[in-house]
Protein backbone atom coordinates (compact mmCIF):
# COMPACT_ATOMS: atom_id res chain seq x y z
CA MET A 1 57.28 160.94 132.00
CA SER A 2 56.61 158.13 134.45
CA TYR A 3 59.55 159.39 136.50
CA ASP A 4 57.79 162.73 137.10
CA THR A 5 54.60 160.94 138.07
CA THR A 6 56.43 158.75 140.56
CA ILE A 7 58.22 161.73 142.11
CA GLY A 8 54.97 163.70 142.26
CA TRP A 9 52.97 160.96 143.92
CA SER A 10 55.81 160.23 146.32
CA LEU A 11 56.02 163.86 147.45
CA PHE A 12 52.25 164.19 147.58
CA SER A 13 51.84 161.10 149.75
CA SER A 14 54.70 162.22 151.98
CA GLY A 15 52.91 165.51 152.47
CA VAL A 16 49.67 163.78 153.40
CA VAL A 17 51.45 161.58 155.94
CA THR A 18 53.24 164.59 157.40
CA LEU A 19 49.96 166.45 157.77
CA LEU A 20 48.51 163.45 159.60
CA LEU A 21 51.45 163.65 162.00
CA VAL A 22 50.93 167.36 162.67
CA TRP A 23 50.45 166.67 166.36
CA LEU A 24 54.21 166.16 166.65
CA PRO A 25 56.15 169.14 168.01
CA GLY A 26 57.95 171.25 165.45
CA ASP A 27 57.03 172.59 162.02
CA SER A 28 55.40 169.44 160.64
CA LEU A 29 52.51 171.48 159.21
CA TYR A 30 54.83 173.60 157.10
CA TRP A 31 56.78 170.56 155.88
CA GLY A 32 53.53 168.85 154.94
CA LEU A 33 52.24 171.87 153.04
CA ALA A 34 55.57 172.28 151.25
CA LEU A 35 55.67 168.63 150.17
CA LEU A 36 52.06 168.82 148.98
CA ALA A 37 52.82 171.92 146.94
CA ILE A 38 55.96 170.42 145.38
CA GLY A 39 54.20 167.15 144.60
CA LEU A 40 51.26 168.92 142.98
CA ALA A 41 53.64 171.13 140.98
CA VAL A 42 55.47 168.09 139.60
CA LEU A 43 52.18 166.38 138.75
CA SER A 44 50.72 169.47 137.10
CA ARG A 45 53.90 169.92 135.04
CA ARG A 46 53.39 166.42 133.67
CA PHE A 47 49.80 167.13 132.59
CA THR A 48 50.53 170.43 130.83
């Protein structure tokens, strides 16, 4: 179970960092949102 938590937090934090870098050209916003969604999905799977 700790593996899922680690993956979830890693993806979640990557998403937050990507959103902070949204000023970069490209689709950073979409990558950030996708990583946040995946990270939250992994975390929520662990708690259900």
